């Protein structure tokens, strides 16, 4: 497990509700650069182990949808195990972020995300905190009930990279 002292460069990106993608009203999306060592299969295994050691589960491997979607009741961690992806965060008015092998994005509930482009060898590893029900909504599904779930979703007990210290535990106010 990494410690807060080992914390890589962190970007905190805040997005507003644009009427289609709700985003999170308080918590920023976090980007940890070079948070997972290795590349390819070894990096996927390392990311799954890191997420698991910090209490995050439901791991999957694959790519990202080419359309805006978000989760209203859970946060999501995304590690790039190989290749690169340009990901739009926050909906149309958001920002395109290039994620490369080793980078981890931590998205609070409501933050829209979609793949803009990616290398042929891109491999993502995703994970979720425990006890936060998974759902997947597209922009057209945005409604008051989803916004209520986003605002009410609890802050995860641990950060997927840094555990009980650092990361979202420091940057997402309770």
C-alpha atoms as a PDB file:
ATOM      1  CA  UNK A   1       0.000   0.000   0.000  1.00  0.00           C
ATOM      2  CA  UNK A   2       1.219   3.475  -0.815  1.00  0.00           C
ATOM      3  CA  UNK A   3       1.372   6.077   1.921  1.00  0.00           C
ATOM      4  CA  UNK A   4       0.373   9.729   1.813  1.00  0.00           C
ATOM      5  CA  UNK A   5       4.108  10.529   1.857  1.00  0.00           C
ATOM      6  CA  UNK A   6       4.468   8.652  -1.456  1.00  0.00           C
ATOM      7  CA  UNK A   7       1.520  10.463  -3.027  1.00  0.00           C
ATOM      8  CA  UNK A   8       2.090  11.141  -6.736  1.00  0.00           C
ATOM      9  CA  UNK A   9       1.179  14.365  -8.456  1.00  0.00           C
ATOM     10  CA  UNK A  10      -2.543  14.806  -7.917  1.00  0.00           C
ATOM     11  CA  UNK A  11      -4.865  16.853 -10.069  1.00  0.00           C
ATOM     12  CA  UNK A  12      -8.244  17.815  -8.614  1.00  0.00           C
ATOM     13  CA  UNK A  13     -10.827  18.705 -11.272  1.00  0.00           C
ATOM     14  CA  UNK A  14     -14.197  20.194 -10.365  1.00  0.00           C
ATOM     15  CA  UNK A  15     -17.160  20.263 -12.739  1.00  0.00           C
ATOM     16  CA  UNK A  16     -20.587  21.888 -12.502  1.00  0.00           C
ATOM     17  CA  UNK A  17     -23.989  20.407 -13.265  1.00  0.00           C
ATOM     18  CA  UNK A  18     -24.611  21.287 -16.907  1.00  0.00           C
ATOM     19  CA  UNK A  19     -28.230  20.147 -16.919  1.00  0.00           C
ATOM     20  CA  UNK A  20     -27.302  16.879 -18.642  1.00  0.00           C
ATOM     21  CA  UNK A  21     -24.399  15.509 -16.587  1.00  0.00           C
ATOM     22  CA  UNK A  22     -24.923  16.300 -12.895  1.00  0.00           C
ATOM     23  CA  UNK A  23     -21.294  15.903 -11.753  1.00  0.00           C
ATOM     24  CA  UNK A  24     -20.663  16.077  -8.005  1.00  0.00           C
ATOM     25  CA  UNK A  25     -21.744  19.199  -6.110  1.00  0.00           C
ATOM     26  CA  UNK A  26     -18.713  19.160  -3.747  1.00  0.00           C
ATOM     27  CA  UNK A  27     -16.034  16.611  -4.609  1.00  0.00           C
ATOM     28  CA  UNK A  28     -13.502  16.902  -7.443  1.00  0.00           C
ATOM     29  CA  UNK A  29     -12.381  14.130  -9.750  1.00  0.00           C
ATOM     30  CA  UNK A  30      -8.837  13.133  -8.774  1.00  0.00           C
ATOM     31  CA  UNK A  31      -6.053  12.157 -11.167  1.00  0.00           C
ATOM     32  CA  UNK A  32      -2.991  10.439  -9.693  1.00  0.00           C
ATOM     33  CA  UNK A  33      -0.113  10.391 -12.159  1.00  0.00           C
ATOM     34  CA  UNK A  34       2.190   7.343 -12.199  1.00  0.00           C
ATOM     35  CA  UNK A  35       0.385   5.772  -9.240  1.00  0.00           C
ATOM     36  CA  UNK A  36       0.715   2.162 -10.438  1.00  0.00           C
ATOM     37  CA  UNK A  37       4.086   0.760 -11.488  1.00  0.00           C
ATOM     38  CA  UNK A  38       4.606  -1.711 -14.352  1.00  0.00           C
ATOM     39  CA  UNK A  39       2.775  -1.971 -17.655  1.00  0.00           C
ATOM     40  CA  UNK A  40       0.241  -4.304 -19.239  1.00  0.00           C
ATOM     41  CA  UNK A  41      -0.776  -7.506 -17.458  1.00  0.00           C
ATOM     42  CA  UNK A  42       1.576  -6.844 -14.530  1.00  0.00           C
ATOM     43  CA  UNK A  43       0.079  -3.372 -14.063  1.00  0.00           C
ATOM     44  CA  UNK A  44      -3.460  -4.771 -14.192  1.00  0.00           C
ATOM     45  CA  UNK A  45      -2.577  -7.283 -11.494  1.00  0.00           C
ATOM     46  CA  UNK A  46      -0.849  -4.542  -9.470  1.00  0.00           C
ATOM     47  CA  UNK A  47      -3.861  -2.215  -9.768  1.00  0.00           C
ATOM     48  CA  UNK A  48      -6.290  -4.949  -8.706  1.00  0.00           C
ATOM     49  CA  UNK A  49      -4.066  -5.796  -5.730  1.00  0.00           C
ATOM     50  CA  UNK A  50      -3.695  -2.133  -4.748  1.00  0.00           C
ATOM     51  CA  UNK A  51      -7.424  -1.462  -4.987  1.00  0.00           C
ATOM     52  CA  UNK A  52      -8.197  -4.668  -3.067  1.00  0.00           C
ATOM     53  CA  UNK A  53      -5.681  -3.878  -0.316  1.00  0.00           C
ATOM     54  CA  UNK A  54      -7.490  -0.570   0.164  1.00  0.00           C
ATOM     55  CA  UNK A  55     -10.951  -2.127   0.371  1.00  0.00           C
ATOM     56  CA  UNK A  56     -12.141  -1.420  -3.181  1.00  0.00           C
ATOM     57  CA  UNK A  57     -13.547  -4.297  -5.214  1.00  0.00           C
ATOM     58  CA  UNK A  58     -15.770  -5.316  -8.074  1.00  0.00           C
ATOM     59  CA  UNK A  59     -12.727  -5.030 -10.321  1.00  0.00           C
ATOM     60  CA  UNK A  60     -13.103  -5.227 -14.062  1.00  0.00           C
ATOM     61  CA  UNK A  61     -10.736  -4.920 -17.013  1.00  0.00           C
ATOM     62  CA  UNK A  62     -11.536  -3.352 -20.355  1.00  0.00           C
ATOM     63  CA  UNK A  63     -12.041  -0.003 -22.012  1.00  0.00           C
ATOM     64  CA  UNK A  64     -14.360   2.956 -21.532  1.00  0.00           C
ATOM     65  CA  UNK A  65     -17.599   3.715 -23.332  1.00  0.00           C
ATOM     66  CA  UNK A  66     -17.452   6.354 -26.081  1.00  0.00           C
ATOM     67  CA  UNK A  67     -20.505   8.106 -24.633  1.00  0.00           C
ATOM     68  CA  UNK A  68     -21.083  10.130 -21.471  1.00  0.00           C
ATOM     69  CA  UNK A  69     -22.156   8.077 -18.496  1.00  0.00           C
ATOM     70  CA  UNK A  70     -21.939   8.401 -14.730  1.00  0.00           C
ATOM     71  CA  UNK A  71     -22.718   6.558 -11.522  1.00  0.00           C
ATOM     72  CA  UNK A  72     -25.154   8.194  -9.115  1.00  0.00           C
ATOM     73  CA  UNK A  73     -24.557   6.081  -6.020  1.00  0.00           C
ATOM     74  CA  UNK A  74     -20.901   5.051  -6.146  1.00  0.00           C
ATOM     75  CA  UNK A  75     -17.432   6.390  -6.751  1.00  0.00           C
ATOM     76  CA  UNK A  76     -15.195   4.684  -9.323  1.00  0.00           C
ATOM     77  CA  UNK A  77     -11.436   4.173  -9.569  1.00  0.00           C
ATOM     78  CA  UNK A  78      -9.899   3.731 -13.021  1.00  0.00           C
ATOM     79  CA  UNK A  79      -6.272   2.649 -13.455  1.00  0.00           C
ATOM     80  CA  UNK A  80      -4.602   2.644 -16.856  1.00  0.00           C
ATOM     81  CA  UNK A  81      -2.699  -0.648 -17.039  1.00  0.00           C
ATOM     82  CA  UNK A  82      -1.402  -0.167 -20.575  1.00  0.00           C
ATOM     83  CA  UNK A  83      -1.592   2.334 -23.397  1.00  0.00           C
ATOM     84  CA  UNK A  84      -3.314   5.680 -23.063  1.00  0.00           C
ATOM     85  CA  UNK A  85      -6.787   7.173 -23.279  1.00  0.00           C
ATOM     86  CA  UNK A  86      -8.108  10.666 -23.754  1.00  0.00           C
ATOM     87  CA  UNK A  87     -11.121  10.856 -21.480  1.00  0.00           C
ATOM     88  CA  UNK A  88     -13.693  13.634 -21.312  1.00  0.00           C
ATOM     89  CA  UNK A  89     -14.659  14.284 -17.698  1.00  0.00           C
ATOM     90  CA  UNK A  90     -17.609  16.421 -16.650  1.00  0.00           C
ATOM     91  CA  UNK A  91     -19.705  16.273 -19.836  1.00  0.00           C
ATOM     92  CA  UNK A  92     -19.585  18.549 -22.875  1.00  0.00           C
ATOM     93  CA  UNK A  93     -18.465  21.551 -20.831  1.00  0.00           C
ATOM     94  CA  UNK A  94     -15.892  19.489 -18.956  1.00  0.00           C
ATOM     95  CA  UNK A  95     -12.305  18.731 -19.793  1.00  0.00           C
ATOM     96  CA  UNK A  96     -10.396  16.169 -21.841  1.00  0.00           C
ATOM     97  CA  UNK A  97      -7.669  14.504 -19.776  1.00  0.00           C
ATOM     98  CA  UNK A  98      -4.999  12.233 -21.208  1.00  0.00           C
ATOM     99  CA  UNK A  99      -4.428   9.240 -18.962  1.00  0.00           C
ATOM    100  CA  UNK A 100      -1.353   7.074 -19.544  1.00  0.00           C
ATOM    101  CA  UNK A 101      -0.157   3.737 -18.206  1.00  0.00           C
ATOM    102  CA  UNK A 102       0.232   4.006 -14.436  1.00  0.00           C
ATOM    103  CA  UNK A 103      -2.281   6.831 -13.966  1.00  0.00           C
ATOM    104  CA  UNK A 104      -5.352   6.426 -11.752  1.00  0.00           C
ATOM    105  CA  UNK A 105      -8.532   8.517 -11.928  1.00  0.00           C
ATOM    106  CA  UNK A 106     -10.875   8.548  -8.933  1.00  0.00           C
ATOM    107  CA  UNK A 107     -14.340   9.773  -9.839  1.00  0.00           C
ATOM    108  CA  UNK A 108     -16.952  10.749  -7.270  1.00  0.00           C
ATOM    109  CA  UNK A 109     -20.600   9.924  -7.941  1.00  0.00           C
ATOM    110  CA  UNK A 110     -22.112  11.975 -10.750  1.00  0.00           C
ATOM    111  CA  UNK A 111     -18.952  12.833 -12.677  1.00  0.00           C
ATOM    112  CA  UNK A 112     -19.560  12.140 -16.344  1.00  0.00           C
ATOM    113  CA  UNK A 113     -16.882  10.286 -18.257  1.00  0.00           C
ATOM    114  CA  UNK A 114     -16.385   9.013 -21.796  1.00  0.00           C
ATOM    115  CA  UNK A 115     -13.558   7.886 -24.032  1.00  0.00           C
ATOM    116  CA  UNK A 116     -12.631  10.422 -26.706  1.00  0.00           C
ATOM    117  CA  UNK A 117      -9.734   8.394 -28.126  1.00  0.00           C
ATOM    118  CA  UNK A 118      -7.347   5.672 -27.015  1.00  0.00           C
ATOM    119  CA  UNK A 119      -4.350   3.654 -28.097  1.00  0.00           C
ATOM    120  CA  UNK A 120      -5.017   0.213 -29.552  1.00  0.00           C
ATOM    121  CA  UNK A 121      -3.474  -1.407 -26.465  1.00  0.00           C
ATOM    122  CA  UNK A 122      -5.339   0.565 -23.800  1.00  0.00           C
ATOM    123  CA  UNK A 123      -6.393  -1.513 -20.798  1.00  0.00           C
ATOM    124  CA  UNK A 124      -8.263  -0.021 -17.856  1.00  0.00           C
ATOM    125  CA  UNK A 125      -8.874  -1.592 -14.461  1.00  0.00           C
ATOM    126  CA  UNK A 126     -11.925  -0.288 -12.624  1.00  0.00           C
ATOM    127  CA  UNK A 127     -13.021  -0.736  -9.005  1.00  0.00           C
ATOM    128  CA  UNK A 128     -15.632   0.525  -6.548  1.00  0.00           C
ATOM    129  CA  UNK A 129     -15.816   1.097  -2.799  1.00  0.00           C
ATOM    130  CA  UNK A 130     -17.760  -1.454  -0.761  1.00  0.00           C
ATOM    131  CA  UNK A 131     -21.391  -0.910   0.160  1.00  0.00           C
ATOM    132  CA  UNK A 132     -22.050   1.606  -2.609  1.00  0.00           C
ATOM    133  CA  UNK A 133     -24.573   0.213  -5.090  1.00  0.00           C
ATOM    134  CA  UNK A 134     -23.496   0.239  -8.725  1.00  0.00           C
ATOM    135  CA  UNK A 135     -25.629   1.965 -11.294  1.00  0.00           C
ATOM    136  CA  UNK A 136     -24.876   3.424 -14.683  1.00  0.00           C
ATOM    137  CA  UNK A 137     -26.717   6.395 -16.111  1.00  0.00           C
ATOM    138  CA  UNK A 138     -26.396   8.284 -19.346  1.00  0.00           C
ATOM    139  CA  UNK A 139     -26.857  12.025 -19.609  1.00  0.00           C
ATOM    140  CA  UNK A 140     -30.451  11.647 -20.728  1.00  0.00           C
ATOM    141  CA  UNK A 141     -31.158   9.763 -17.493  1.00  0.00           C
ATOM    142  CA  UNK A 142     -30.191  12.740 -15.324  1.00  0.00           C
ATOM    143  CA  UNK A 143     -33.018  13.639 -12.984  1.00  0.00           C
ATOM    144  CA  UNK A 144     -33.716  14.919  -9.505  1.00  0.00           C
ATOM    145  CA  UNK A 145     -33.594  11.422  -7.976  1.00  0.00           C
ATOM    146  CA  UNK A 146     -30.107  10.819  -9.427  1.00  0.00           C
ATOM    147  CA  UNK A 147     -28.932  14.202  -8.166  1.00  0.00           C
ATOM    148  CA  UNK A 148     -30.289  13.363  -4.703  1.00  0.00           C
ATOM    149  CA  UNK A 149     -28.389  10.031  -4.712  1.00  0.00           C
ATOM    150  CA  UNK A 150     -25.194  11.791  -5.814  1.00  0.00           C
ATOM    151  CA  UNK A 151     -25.415  14.339  -2.998  1.00  0.00           C
ATOM    152  CA  UNK A 152     -26.256  11.633  -0.435  1.00  0.00           C
ATOM    153  CA  UNK A 153     -23.589   9.086  -1.429  1.00  0.00           C
ATOM    154  CA  UNK A 154     -21.128   8.646   1.434  1.00  0.00           C
ATOM    155  CA  UNK A 155     -17.457   9.455   1.102  1.00  0.00           C
ATOM    156  CA  UNK A 156     -15.600   6.141   0.753  1.00  0.00           C
ATOM    157  CA  UNK A 157     -13.883   4.976   3.936  1.00  0.00           C
ATOM    158  CA  UNK A 158     -10.600   4.598   2.045  1.00  0.00           C
ATOM    159  CA  UNK A 159      -8.860   5.958  -1.009  1.00  0.00           C
ATOM    160  CA  UNK A 160      -8.270   3.222  -3.635  1.00  0.00           C
ATOM    161  CA  UNK A 161      -4.553   4.093  -3.839  1.00  0.00           C
ATOM    162  CA  UNK A 162      -3.675   5.510  -0.387  1.00  0.00           C
ATOM    163  CA  UNK A 163      -6.066   3.719   1.927  1.00  0.00           C
ATOM    164  CA  UNK A 164      -7.168   5.561   5.053  1.00  0.00           C
ATOM    165  CA  UNK A 165      -4.767   8.474   4.501  1.00  0.00           C
ATOM    166  CA  UNK A 166      -4.277  10.937   1.691  1.00  0.00           C
ATOM    167  CA  UNK A 167      -6.098  11.155  -1.590  1.00  0.00           C
ATOM    168  CA  UNK A 168      -9.852  11.438  -1.374  1.00  0.00           C
ATOM    169  CA  UNK A 169      -9.753  11.169   2.417  1.00  0.00           C
ATOM    170  CA  UNK A 170      -7.895  14.481   2.379  1.00  0.00           C
ATOM    171  CA  UNK A 171      -9.445  16.142  -0.679  1.00  0.00           C
ATOM    172  CA  UNK A 172     -13.121  15.182  -0.359  1.00  0.00           C
ATOM    173  CA  UNK A 173     -14.588  16.957   2.651  1.00  0.00           C
ATOM    174  CA  UNK A 174     -17.043  14.794   4.585  1.00  0.00           C
END
